[in-house]
Amino acid sequence: MRAYFLRRLLLIPPTLLGLTLIVFFITRLAPGGPLEQALMRAQQTSLEHGAGRASGQGTALSTDQIDQLKHYYGFDKPWYVAYAQWLGKVAQGDLGTSFRYNEPVWDLIRERFPISIFYGLTTLVITYAVCVPLGIVKAIRHRTWVDTSSSMLIFAGYAVPGYVLGALLLVFFAARLRWFPMGGFTGDNFSDLSFFAKATDLLHHAILPLSCYLVGSFAFVTLLVKNNLMDALAADYMRTAVAKGISYRRAVFGHALRNSIIPLATDFGQNLTLFLSGSFLIENIFDINGFGLLGYTSTLDRDYPVVMGVLLLSSLLLLAGNLISDALVALADPRIRFG
């Protein structure tokens, strides 16, 4: 078991190396990069002032200026040389400088990552705190009014995408009824409030986005717990345990439940990565400057240093989440031994 997890840890660096190498190579081939955008802006400015056409030149920049732009954006070297330089900076803790914001990439990520962590961990805690007991109740009370009514609610929520629900909630509860703010993570005067007032303001801004995050995950986790618990309740060892005199409650919580949470432990790592990364659509609707929105806007803007930084951190979270899932599976089922 220790050897398995040690091998998994040792595989993380080469996996990250392969992922970043592929994406870095693609950024060099993709059209519409920062250099092309800079040349296009210069050409449009020149045409608006009539300088380019008057001089008879096809571009508003000289050769020296274009070379300076290539050097600034890192396109003056072959892609493998530029990747080696980027990798050397990463090894020193430097993720580069954003083309759009002209700030260190790590500072941009550090500013926005706590926001996604807040929503991600809150969603994760509420989801498992509600869905696991609900799944247990639905399995024990299968085909009763409790099971039917709760299934209707969670499936109705699952059918509505989170970003669509976010737009509806924003229109009715924020714009029309004015019960909640239109967006943002906190209010404008957040720093001047007391501790209790800060907590209230944070909760006031978080209710609508959290509703969108939770609506899609409730059905999956609840039905996963219910279906696996029902399979465990129908197993032979349950009938044997009850026949030997063990109470039904003890048989359910002492035997069946532990076996039924193994698939839930398998999926925990991926949920952790998804929740921490956030949803750029929900963050865009509620004007939340989170980690997901940063990755989305940097891709649209061809801000390649930010793209590579977001990719590196997201991939690291994914690999760590898979490792956590394996550890949880081994804890939930002692019979499992990874070779």
Protein backbone atom coordinates (compact mmCIF):
# COMPACT_ATOMS: atom_id res chain seq x y z
CA MET A 1 0.00 0.00 0.00
CA ARG A 2 2.75 2.46 0.88
CA ALA A 3 4.64 1.56 -2.26
CA TYR A 4 1.52 2.26 -4.35
CA PHE A 5 0.99 5.74 -2.93
CA LEU A 6 4.70 6.46 -3.24
CA ARG A 7 4.56 5.55 -6.93
CA ARG A 8 1.50 7.76 -7.36
CA LEU A 9 3.33 10.66 -5.77
CA LEU A 10 6.34 10.12 -7.98
CA LEU A 11 4.09 10.08 -11.06
CA ILE A 12 2.70 13.55 -10.35
CA PRO A 13 5.74 15.54 -11.63
CA PRO A 14 6.02 13.73 -15.01
CA THR A 15 2.24 13.96 -15.49
CA LEU A 16 2.29 17.69 -14.88
CA LEU A 17 5.27 17.96 -17.20
CA GLY A 18 3.40 16.20 -20.00
CA LEU A 19 0.21 18.23 -19.58
CA THR A 20 1.94 21.59 -19.50
CA LEU A 21 4.18 20.64 -22.42
CA ILE A 22 1.20 19.79 -24.63
CA VAL A 23 -0.75 22.93 -23.73
CA PHE A 24 2.29 25.16 -24.11
CA PHE A 25 2.87 23.73 -27.59
CA ILE A 26 -0.78 24.32 -28.52
CA THR A 27 -0.60 27.94 -27.42
CA ARG A 28 2.22 28.47 -29.91
CA LEU A 29 0.14 27.03 -32.75
CA ALA A 30 -3.22 28.61 -31.92
CA PRO A 31 -4.06 31.66 -34.07
CA GLY A 32 -5.03 34.99 -32.58
CA GLY A 33 -2.31 35.05 -29.95
CA PRO A 34 -1.17 38.14 -28.04
CA LEU A 35 1.37 39.06 -30.70
CA GLU A 36 -1.24 38.96 -33.48
CA GLN A 37 -3.65 40.96 -31.34
CA ALA A 38 -1.02 43.62 -30.65
CA LEU A 39 -0.20 43.91 -34.35
CA MET A 40 -3.90 44.13 -35.21
CA ARG A 41 -4.48 46.90 -32.68
CA ALA A 42 -1.52 48.82 -34.02
CA GLN A 43 -2.77 48.38 -37.59
CA GLN A 44 -6.26 49.59 -36.68
CA THR A 45 -4.85 52.62 -34.88
CA SER A 46 -2.69 53.41 -37.86
CA LEU A 47 -5.60 53.14 -40.29
CA GLU A 48 -7.78 55.35 -38.13
CA HIS A 49 -5.14 58.10 -38.24
CA GLY A 50 -4.31 57.47 -41.89
CA ALA A 51 -0.61 56.92 -41.18
CA GLY A 52 -0.30 53.41 -42.54
CA ARG A 53 -2.02 54.06 -45.84
CA ALA A 54 -0.27 57.38 -46.34
CA SER A 55 3.17 55.89 -45.93
CA GLY A 56 2.29 52.95 -48.11
CA GLN A 57 3.34 50.46 -45.44
CA GLY A 58 1.41 47.26 -44.70
CA THR A 59 1.97 47.52 -40.97
CA ALA A 60 2.08 50.36 -38.47
CA LEU A 61 5.14 48.97 -36.67
CA SER A 62 8.72 48.78 -37.77
CA THR A 63 10.74 45.58 -37.79
CA ASP A 64 12.52 46.55 -34.59
CA GLN A 65 9.21 47.21 -32.85
CA ILE A 66 7.85 43.84 -33.96
CA ASP A 67 11.00 42.15 -32.66
CA GLN A 68 10.52 43.91 -29.33
CA LEU A 69 6.93 42.66 -29.18
CA LYS A 70 8.07 39.12 -29.95
CA HIS A 71 10.62 39.36 -27.16
CA TYR A 72 8.04 40.76 -24.73
CA TYR A 73 5.54 37.97 -25.43
CA GLY A 74 8.25 35.31 -25.59
CA PHE A 75 7.78 34.46 -29.28
CA ASP A 76 11.34 35.28 -30.27
CA LYS A 77 12.57 31.77 -29.37
CA PRO A 78 11.54 28.26 -30.43
CA TRP A 79 8.67 26.87 -28.38
CA TYR A 80 10.78 24.23 -26.65
CA VAL A 81 13.32 26.84 -25.55
CA ALA A 82 10.53 29.08 -24.26
CA TYR A 83 8.96 26.12 -22.45
CA ALA A 84 12.26 25.27 -20.80
CA GLN A 85 12.58 28.88 -19.61
CA TRP A 86 8.99 28.85 -18.28
CA LEU A 87 9.66 25.56 -16.52
CA GLY A 88 12.78 26.98 -14.92
CA LYS A 89 10.81 29.96 -13.60
CA VAL A 90 8.10 27.65 -12.24
CA ALA A 91 10.74 25.65 -10.38
CA GLN A 92 11.74 28.92 -8.70
CA GLY A 93 8.11 29.74 -7.79
CA ASP A 94 7.60 32.27 -10.61
CA LEU A 95 4.56 31.64 -12.84
CA GLY A 96 5.31 34.63 -15.04
CA THR A 97 3.56 37.95 -15.59
CA SER A 98 0.08 38.41 -17.02
CA PHE A 99 -0.10 40.06 -20.44
CA ARG A 100 -3.46 41.66 -19.65
CA TYR A 101 -3.08 42.77 -16.04
CA ASN A 102 0.72 43.22 -16.07
CA GLU A 103 0.84 41.56 -12.65
CA PRO A 104 2.48 38.35 -11.46
CA VAL A 105 0.32 35.33 -12.25
CA TRP A 106 0.71 33.97 -8.75
CA ASP A 107 -0.70 37.19 -7.28
CA LEU A 108 -3.74 36.98 -9.54
CA ILE A 109 -4.38 33.37 -8.56
CA ARG A 110 -3.77 34.07 -4.89
CA GLU A 111 -6.33 36.89 -4.92
CA ARG A 112 -9.07 34.82 -6.54
CA PHE A 113 -8.42 31.33 -5.25
CA PRO A 114 -9.78 31.96 -1.71
CA ILE A 115 -13.12 32.98 -3.23
CA SER A 116 -13.44 29.67 -5.06
CA ILE A 117 -12.25 27.81 -1.97
CA PHE A 118 -15.02 29.45 0.07
CA TYR A 119 -17.75 28.46 -2.38
CA GLY A 120 -16.20 25.08 -3.10
CA LEU A 121 -15.74 23.94 0.49
CA THR A 122 -19.11 25.34 1.55
CA THR A 123 -20.80 23.50 -1.31
CA LEU A 124 -18.89 20.32 -0.50
CA VAL A 125 -19.80 20.40 3.20
CA ILE A 126 -23.48 21.19 2.60
CA THR A 127 -23.76 18.61 -0.18
CA TYR A 128 -22.41 15.71 1.86
CA ALA A 129 -24.09 16.85 5.09
CA VAL A 130 -27.50 16.87 3.41
CA CYS A 131 -27.26 14.28 0.64
CA VAL A 132 -25.74 11.40 2.61
CA PRO A 133 -28.49 11.38 5.29
CA LEU A 134 -31.10 12.01 2.60
CA GLY A 135 -29.82 9.09 0.54
CA ILE A 136 -29.96 6.84 3.61
CA VAL A 137 -33.55 7.86 4.35
CA LYS A 138 -34.57 7.37 0.72
CA ALA A 139 -33.06 3.88 0.67
CA ILE A 140 -34.74 2.81 3.92
CA ARG A 141 -38.05 4.47 2.97
CA HIS A 142 -37.98 3.37 -0.64
CA ARG A 143 -41.24 3.99 -2.56
CA THR A 144 -42.80 5.95 0.26
CA TRP A 145 -43.98 9.54 0.15
CA VAL A 146 -40.61 10.66 1.54
CA ASP A 147 -38.74 9.00 -1.32
CA THR A 148 -41.16 10.22 -3.99
CA SER A 149 -41.39 13.84 -2.87
CA SER A 150 -37.63 14.22 -2.37
CA SER A 151 -36.96 12.62 -5.77
CA MET A 152 -39.25 15.12 -7.46
CA LEU A 153 -37.41 18.02 -5.85
CA ILE A 154 -33.87 16.86 -6.54
CA PHE A 155 -34.64 15.85 -10.13
CA ALA A 156 -36.31 19.20 -10.78
CA GLY A 157 -33.18 20.88 -9.52
CA TYR A 158 -30.92 18.58 -11.52
CA ALA A 159 -32.83 19.38 -14.73
CA VAL A 160 -32.09 23.10 -14.42
CA PRO A 161 -28.46 24.08 -15.19
CA GLY A 162 -26.79 26.10 -12.47
CA TYR A 163 -26.14 29.14 -14.66
CA VAL A 164 -29.76 29.21 -15.86
CA LEU A 165 -31.00 29.07 -12.29
CA GLY A 166 -28.52 31.82 -11.46
CA ALA A 167 -29.96 34.12 -14.11
CA LEU A 168 -33.51 33.47 -12.87
CA LEU A 169 -32.59 34.03 -9.23
CA LEU A 170 -30.74 37.22 -10.13
CA VAL A 171 -33.72 38.62 -12.03
CA PHE A 172 -36.43 37.81 -9.48
CA PHE A 173 -34.74 37.96 -6.08
CA ALA A 174 -32.07 40.58 -6.77
CA ALA A 175 -33.39 42.88 -9.51
CA ARG A 176 -37.12 42.81 -8.81
CA LEU A 177 -37.58 41.96 -5.14
CA ARG A 178 -34.18 43.38 -4.09
CA TRP A 179 -33.81 40.77 -1.37
CA PHE A 180 -30.22 40.03 -2.36
CA PRO A 181 -27.42 42.04 -4.00
CA MET A 182 -26.93 41.91 -7.74
CA GLY A 183 -23.52 40.31 -7.46
CA GLY A 184 -20.06 40.42 -6.02
CA PHE A 185 -18.39 38.45 -3.27
CA THR A 186 -18.83 41.13 -0.61
CA GLY A 187 -20.21 44.64 -0.31
CA ASP A 188 -18.27 47.82 -1.06
CA ASN A 189 -17.88 48.74 2.64
CA PHE A 190 -16.92 45.22 3.75
CA SER A 191 -13.60 46.28 5.29
CA ASP A 192 -15.32 48.85 7.54
CA LEU A 193 -17.82 46.40 9.05
CA SER A 194 -17.59 44.54 12.32
CA PHE A 195 -16.98 40.79 12.45
CA PHE A 196 -20.66 39.90 12.77
CA ALA A 197 -21.61 42.39 10.07
CA LYS A 198 -18.93 40.94 7.76
CA ALA A 199 -20.29 37.42 8.26
CA THR A 200 -23.82 38.67 7.54
CA ASP A 201 -22.71 40.53 4.43
CA LEU A 202 -20.78 37.50 3.16
CA LEU A 203 -23.77 35.22 3.71
CA HIS A 204 -26.10 37.74 2.06
CA HIS A 205 -23.95 37.72 -1.09
CA ALA A 206 -23.38 33.95 -1.05
CA ILE A 207 -26.94 32.60 -0.82
CA LEU A 208 -27.83 32.89 -4.50
CA PRO A 209 -24.50 31.58 -5.90
CA LEU A 210 -24.48 28.70 -3.41
CA SER A 211 -27.98 27.73 -4.52
CA CYS A 212 -26.67 27.40 -8.08
CA TYR A 213 -23.66 25.35 -6.99
CA LEU A 214 -25.77 23.00 -4.89
CA VAL A 215 -28.63 22.36 -7.27
CA GLY A 216 -26.66 20.17 -9.65
CA SER A 217 -24.76 18.11 -7.10
CA PHE A 218 -27.68 17.19 -4.84
CA ALA A 219 -29.24 14.65 -7.20
CA PHE A 220 -26.01 12.86 -8.07
CA VAL A 221 -24.72 12.40 -4.51
CA THR A 222 -28.16 11.54 -3.08
CA LEU A 223 -28.93 8.88 -5.68
CA LEU A 224 -25.41 7.49 -5.46
CA VAL A 225 -25.84 6.91 -1.73
CA LYS A 226 -29.38 5.60 -2.12
CA ASN A 227 -28.70 3.13 -4.92
CA ASN A 228 -25.56 1.69 -3.35
CA LEU A 229 -27.22 1.40 0.05
CA MET A 230 -30.20 -0.41 -1.49
CA ASP A 231 -27.84 -2.88 -3.14
CA ALA A 232 -26.12 -3.43 0.19
CA LEU A 233 -29.44 -3.91 1.99
CA ALA A 234 -30.38 -6.64 -0.48
CA ALA A 235 -27.08 -8.51 -0.02
CA ASP A 236 -26.88 -11.91 1.66
CA TYR A 237 -24.73 -10.70 4.55
CA MET A 238 -27.52 -8.32 5.62
CA ARG A 239 -30.02 -11.15 5.87
CA THR A 240 -27.46 -13.23 7.74
CA ALA A 241 -26.74 -10.41 10.19
CA VAL A 242 -30.43 -9.87 10.93
CA ALA A 243 -30.99 -13.63 11.26
CA LYS A 244 -28.23 -13.80 13.90
CA GLY A 245 -30.10 -11.32 16.06
CA ILE A 246 -28.43 -8.01 15.12
CA SER A 247 -30.91 -5.15 15.08
CA TYR A 248 -31.86 -3.75 11.70
CA ARG A 249 -30.55 -0.30 12.62
CA ARG A 250 -27.17 -1.70 13.64
CA ALA A 251 -27.00 -3.83 10.50
CA VAL A 252 -27.70 -0.81 8.32
CA PHE A 253 -25.25 1.61 9.94
CA GLY A 254 -22.65 -0.95 10.95
CA HIS A 255 -22.44 -3.03 7.78
CA ALA A 256 -24.46 -1.82 4.79
CA LEU A 257 -23.66 1.88 5.05
CA ARG A 258 -19.90 1.36 5.14
CA ASN A 259 -19.99 -0.73 1.97
CA SER A 260 -22.29 1.73 0.22
CA ILE A 261 -20.02 4.76 0.74
CA ILE A 262 -17.12 3.22 -1.17
CA PRO A 263 -18.30 4.66 -4.54
CA LEU A 264 -18.83 7.98 -2.78
CA ALA A 265 -15.23 7.93 -1.59
CA THR A 266 -14.10 7.16 -5.14
CA ASP A 267 -15.83 10.27 -6.45
CA PHE A 268 -14.79 12.56 -3.59
CA GLY A 269 -11.46 13.61 -5.08
CA GLN A 270 -12.95 14.69 -8.39
CA ASN A 271 -15.70 16.63 -6.62
CA LEU A 272 -13.06 18.36 -4.54
CA THR A 273 -11.22 19.51 -7.66
CA LEU A 274 -14.42 20.65 -9.36
CA PHE A 275 -15.67 22.59 -6.35
CA LEU A 276 -12.34 24.32 -5.72
CA SER A 277 -11.96 25.27 -9.37
CA GLY A 278 -15.42 26.80 -9.39
CA SER A 279 -17.80 27.43 -12.26
CA PHE A 280 -16.92 30.30 -14.57
CA LEU A 281 -20.55 30.61 -15.76
CA ILE A 282 -21.92 31.08 -12.24
CA GLU A 283 -19.04 33.38 -11.33
CA ASN A 284 -19.67 35.40 -14.48
CA ILE A 285 -23.39 35.78 -13.77
CA PHE A 286 -22.87 36.92 -10.17
CA ASP A 287 -19.73 38.96 -10.95
CA ILE A 288 -17.54 36.85 -8.67
CA ASN A 289 -13.82 37.10 -9.41
CA GLY A 290 -13.06 33.48 -8.67
CA PHE A 291 -10.57 30.96 -9.95
CA GLY A 292 -12.85 29.58 -12.66
CA LEU A 293 -13.63 32.99 -14.16
CA LEU A 294 -9.92 33.85 -14.18
CA GLY A 295 -9.13 30.77 -16.25
CA TYR A 296 -11.99 31.47 -18.65
CA THR A 297 -11.15 35.13 -19.27
CA SER A 298 -7.44 34.39 -19.62
CA THR A 299 -8.22 31.83 -22.34
CA LEU A 300 -10.39 34.30 -24.24
CA ASP A 301 -7.78 37.04 -23.91
CA ARG A 302 -4.94 34.68 -24.92
CA ASP A 303 -3.21 35.57 -21.65
CA TYR A 304 -0.94 32.53 -21.89
CA PRO A 305 1.01 32.97 -18.63
CA VAL A 306 -2.26 32.96 -16.69
CA VAL A 307 -3.55 30.03 -18.76
CA MET A 308 -0.45 28.00 -17.92
CA GLY A 309 -0.64 28.95 -14.25
CA VAL A 310 -4.31 27.98 -13.99
CA LEU A 311 -3.62 24.73 -15.86
CA LEU A 312 -0.72 23.85 -13.57
CA LEU A 313 -2.72 24.43 -10.40
CA SER A 314 -5.88 22.72 -11.71
CA SER A 315 -3.91 19.66 -12.84
CA LEU A 316 -2.15 19.48 -9.49
CA LEU A 317 -5.51 19.60 -7.70
CA LEU A 318 -6.90 16.87 -9.96
CA LEU A 319 -3.96 14.55 -9.33
CA ALA A 320 -4.08 15.24 -5.59
CA GLY A 321 -7.84 14.63 -5.59
CA ASN A 322 -7.43 11.25 -7.27
CA LEU A 323 -4.82 10.33 -4.68
CA ILE A 324 -7.18 11.39 -1.88
CA SER A 325 -9.93 9.25 -3.42
CA ASP A 326 -7.69 6.18 -3.41
CA ALA A 327 -6.80 6.80 0.22
CA LEU A 328 -10.46 7.18 1.20
CA VAL A 329 -11.39 3.98 -0.64
CA ALA A 330 -8.67 2.10 1.22
CA LEU A 331 -9.93 3.48 4.53
CA ALA A 332 -13.57 2.68 3.74
CA ASP A 333 -12.85 -0.90 2.62
CA PRO A 334 -9.93 -2.67 4.36
CA ARG A 335 -10.17 -5.47 1.81
CA ILE A 336 -8.82 -3.20 -0.90
CA ARG A 337 -5.08 -3.38 -1.31
CA PHE A 338 -3.44 -1.37 -4.04
CA GLY A 339 -0.55 -3.16 -5.64
